[in-house]
Amino acid sequence: MSERCGVIQVGVVIRKVFCTGGLLTALLAVSGCAAGGAKVEGKIGVVDPARVLNETITGKRAKDSLSVFSKNRQAVIEMDEKELHRMEEDFGRQASVLSAPAKREREEQFRRRVAEYQQKAGDMNREVQEKQKDVLEGFREKVGLIVGKVSKRLGLQVVMDKGKGGPTLYSDEGLDITGQVIDEFNREYP
């Protein structure tokens, strides 16, 4: 039993090494420790993509359009929800005077309506997620182009993600090019 646990742990470590292999290779290459003995001098920069999204004109527009799209879908869902509550209250008030067949019919109508509501809510949730994915992918592409442009101008060889969940745990403030990326982005995409 203990051998099996050891194998699982080794497998986890191997997966982690392969996932971070690209990051390690980049760091080793820039620090001059890459295989082959060739010393590579280089400069590294970091960018906070969330700040670029929040502080660029295009990013603010993208967030606003997503917010409006999401709120519109939410309003439709809330209207349907209110309708379901009204149906439920009406049924509760009339249940004592309805015949057994009429009661079953109303219950079935309500169940169908709930199923329709759930389907519609799921569809709209997927719509919002798709819209968010499309908008943010387009924005990320533009950010990549601008980061490349700023990096070339500054002579940087590697630029890493400084945002939450990114590979950078620490960076000196002097490496942060986010402000320059925001300025260039606003010039390029007013």
Protein backbone atom coordinates (compact mmCIF):
# COMPACT_ATOMS: atom_id res chain seq x y z
CA MET A 1 0.00 0.00 0.00
CA SER A 2 2.81 2.44 0.84
CA GLU A 3 4.51 1.72 -2.51
CA ARG A 4 1.38 2.78 -4.34
CA CYS A 5 1.21 6.07 -2.43
CA GLY A 6 4.86 6.69 -3.32
CA VAL A 7 4.14 6.12 -7.01
CA ILE A 8 1.24 8.55 -6.95
CA GLN A 9 3.35 11.21 -5.29
CA VAL A 10 6.15 10.73 -7.83
CA GLY A 11 3.60 11.01 -10.64
CA VAL A 12 2.30 14.28 -9.19
CA VAL A 13 5.85 15.64 -8.92
CA ILE A 14 6.64 14.62 -12.50
CA ARG A 15 3.47 16.36 -13.78
CA LYS A 16 4.38 19.51 -11.86
CA VAL A 17 7.92 19.46 -13.28
CA PHE A 18 6.62 19.10 -16.86
CA CYS A 19 4.03 21.88 -16.33
CA THR A 20 6.66 24.29 -15.05
CA GLY A 21 9.34 23.09 -17.47
CA GLY A 22 8.77 25.96 -19.91
CA LEU A 23 9.04 28.51 -17.12
CA LEU A 24 12.21 26.92 -15.77
CA THR A 25 13.79 26.77 -19.22
CA ALA A 26 13.08 30.45 -19.76
CA LEU A 27 14.52 31.37 -16.39
CA LEU A 28 17.61 29.22 -16.92
CA ALA A 29 18.18 30.66 -20.39
CA VAL A 30 17.93 34.22 -19.17
CA SER A 31 20.13 33.59 -16.14
CA GLY A 32 22.84 32.02 -18.28
CA CYS A 33 22.48 28.49 -16.89
CA ALA A 34 20.99 26.90 -19.99
CA ALA A 35 22.32 23.63 -21.34
CA GLY A 36 25.08 23.90 -23.90
CA GLY A 37 27.22 26.25 -21.80
CA ALA A 38 26.26 29.36 -23.79
CA LYS A 39 25.68 32.29 -21.48
CA VAL A 40 22.66 34.35 -22.44
CA GLU A 41 22.42 37.88 -21.14
CA GLY A 42 18.87 39.09 -21.02
CA LYS A 43 16.27 41.25 -19.50
CA ILE A 44 13.00 40.18 -17.97
CA GLY A 45 9.82 42.16 -17.60
CA VAL A 46 6.52 41.48 -15.89
CA VAL A 47 2.99 42.58 -16.79
CA ASP A 48 -0.19 42.53 -14.71
CA PRO A 49 -2.94 41.64 -17.24
CA ALA A 50 -5.76 42.46 -14.81
CA ARG A 51 -4.40 46.00 -14.47
CA VAL A 52 -4.20 46.29 -18.26
CA LEU A 53 -7.86 45.20 -18.50
CA ASN A 54 -8.96 47.61 -15.76
CA GLU A 55 -6.93 50.64 -16.84
CA THR A 56 -7.11 50.69 -20.64
CA ILE A 57 -9.90 52.31 -22.59
CA THR A 58 -10.54 49.13 -24.58
CA GLY A 59 -10.43 47.00 -21.43
CA LYS A 60 -12.97 49.22 -19.70
CA ARG A 61 -15.23 49.04 -22.76
CA ALA A 62 -14.92 45.25 -22.84
CA LYS A 63 -15.82 44.98 -19.16
CA ASP A 64 -18.76 47.36 -19.63
CA SER A 65 -20.12 45.44 -22.63
CA LEU A 66 -19.83 42.17 -20.71
CA SER A 67 -21.59 43.72 -17.74
CA VAL A 68 -24.48 45.02 -19.88
CA PHE A 69 -24.79 41.68 -21.69
CA SER A 70 -24.80 39.80 -18.38
CA LYS A 71 -27.31 42.17 -16.75
CA ASN A 72 -29.70 41.82 -19.70
CA ARG A 73 -29.60 38.04 -19.44
CA GLN A 74 -30.02 38.24 -15.67
CA ALA A 75 -33.10 40.49 -16.04
CA VAL A 76 -34.78 37.91 -18.29
CA ILE A 77 -34.04 35.13 -15.81
CA GLU A 78 -35.37 37.21 -12.91
CA MET A 79 -38.63 37.87 -14.81
CA ASP A 80 -39.07 34.14 -15.37
CA GLU A 81 -38.28 33.50 -11.71
CA LYS A 82 -40.97 35.96 -10.62
CA GLU A 83 -43.45 34.27 -12.95
CA LEU A 84 -42.66 30.91 -11.36
CA HIS A 85 -43.17 32.34 -7.88
CA ARG A 86 -46.49 33.84 -8.95
CA MET A 87 -47.60 30.50 -10.41
CA GLU A 88 -46.61 28.74 -7.20
CA GLU A 89 -48.49 31.24 -5.03
CA ASP A 90 -51.60 31.04 -7.24
CA PHE A 91 -51.54 27.27 -7.05
CA GLY A 92 -51.16 27.41 -3.25
CA ARG A 93 -54.20 29.68 -2.94
CA GLN A 94 -56.36 27.63 -5.33
CA ALA A 95 -55.23 24.11 -4.34
CA SER A 96 -58.04 23.61 -1.84
CA VAL A 97 -60.79 24.35 -4.39
CA LEU A 98 -59.29 22.48 -7.37
CA SER A 99 -60.41 18.97 -8.26
CA ALA A 100 -57.78 16.21 -8.19
CA PRO A 101 -57.38 16.14 -12.02
CA ALA A 102 -57.15 19.95 -12.17
CA LYS A 103 -54.57 19.89 -9.37
CA ARG A 104 -52.45 17.31 -11.24
CA GLU A 105 -52.71 19.36 -14.43
CA ARG A 106 -51.53 22.54 -12.66
CA GLU A 107 -48.69 20.65 -10.97
CA GLU A 108 -47.61 19.26 -14.34
CA GLN A 109 -47.76 22.74 -15.92
CA PHE A 110 -45.64 24.07 -13.08
CA ARG A 111 -43.08 21.26 -13.45
CA ARG A 112 -42.84 21.88 -17.22
CA ARG A 113 -42.42 25.60 -16.59
CA VAL A 114 -39.66 24.95 -14.01
CA ALA A 115 -37.88 22.65 -16.48
CA GLU A 116 -38.13 25.33 -19.19
CA TYR A 117 -36.80 27.92 -16.76
CA GLN A 118 -33.85 25.73 -15.81
CA GLN A 119 -33.04 25.06 -19.46
CA LYS A 120 -33.27 28.77 -20.31
CA ALA A 121 -31.13 29.76 -17.32
CA GLY A 122 -28.48 27.21 -18.32
CA ASP A 123 -28.52 28.40 -21.94
CA MET A 124 -28.18 32.02 -20.91
CA ASN A 125 -25.37 31.20 -18.49
CA ARG A 126 -23.51 29.45 -21.33
CA GLU A 127 -24.17 32.48 -23.57
CA VAL A 128 -22.64 34.80 -20.99
CA GLN A 129 -19.62 32.52 -20.57
CA GLU A 130 -19.12 32.29 -24.35
CA LYS A 131 -19.39 36.06 -24.73
CA GLN A 132 -16.90 36.55 -21.90
CA LYS A 133 -14.51 34.04 -23.47
CA ASP A 134 -14.75 35.69 -26.91
CA VAL A 135 -14.29 39.23 -25.60
CA LEU A 136 -11.41 38.34 -23.29
CA GLU A 137 -9.61 36.22 -25.91
CA GLY A 138 -9.72 39.14 -28.35
CA PHE A 139 -8.45 41.46 -25.64
CA ARG A 140 -5.63 39.05 -24.69
CA GLU A 141 -4.50 38.91 -28.31
CA LYS A 142 -4.22 42.69 -28.40
CA VAL A 143 -2.37 42.69 -25.08
CA GLY A 144 0.09 40.14 -26.49
CA LEU A 145 0.80 42.34 -29.50
CA ILE A 146 1.33 45.43 -27.36
CA VAL A 147 3.52 43.56 -24.85
CA GLY A 148 5.65 42.37 -27.78
CA LYS A 149 5.97 45.90 -29.11
CA VAL A 150 6.92 47.40 -25.72
CA SER A 151 9.29 44.49 -25.00
CA LYS A 152 11.17 44.98 -28.26
CA ARG A 153 11.47 48.69 -27.62
CA LEU A 154 12.88 48.00 -24.14
CA GLY A 155 15.11 45.13 -25.28
CA LEU A 156 13.36 42.54 -23.13
CA GLN A 157 13.74 38.87 -23.93
CA VAL A 158 11.12 37.45 -21.56
CA VAL A 159 7.94 38.98 -20.17
CA MET A 160 6.06 37.07 -17.48
CA ASP A 161 2.53 37.29 -16.12
CA LYS A 162 2.53 39.12 -12.79
CA GLY A 163 -1.20 38.72 -12.15
CA LYS A 164 -2.88 36.41 -9.67
CA GLY A 165 -2.39 32.84 -10.73
CA GLY A 166 0.49 33.80 -13.00
CA PRO A 167 3.92 32.19 -12.75
CA THR A 168 5.56 35.17 -11.06
CA LEU A 169 5.69 34.94 -7.29
CA TYR A 170 7.96 37.94 -6.83
CA SER A 171 9.45 40.59 -9.05
CA ASP A 172 11.32 43.80 -8.45
CA GLU A 173 9.18 46.85 -9.18
CA GLY A 174 11.73 47.93 -11.80
CA LEU A 175 10.76 44.95 -13.95
CA ASP A 176 7.09 45.91 -14.15
CA ILE A 177 6.22 47.26 -17.60
CA THR A 178 2.45 47.30 -17.02
CA GLY A 179 2.24 51.12 -17.06
CA GLN A 180 4.09 51.31 -20.38
CA VAL A 181 1.87 48.58 -21.83
CA ILE A 182 -1.25 50.49 -20.72
CA ASP A 183 0.03 53.74 -22.29
CA GLU A 184 0.95 52.01 -25.56
CA PHE A 185 -2.35 50.09 -25.59
CA ASN A 186 -4.36 53.31 -25.20
CA ARG A 187 -2.36 54.93 -28.04
CA GLU A 188 -2.82 51.91 -30.31
CA TYR A 189 -6.48 51.24 -29.44
CA PRO A 190 -8.10 54.55 -28.42
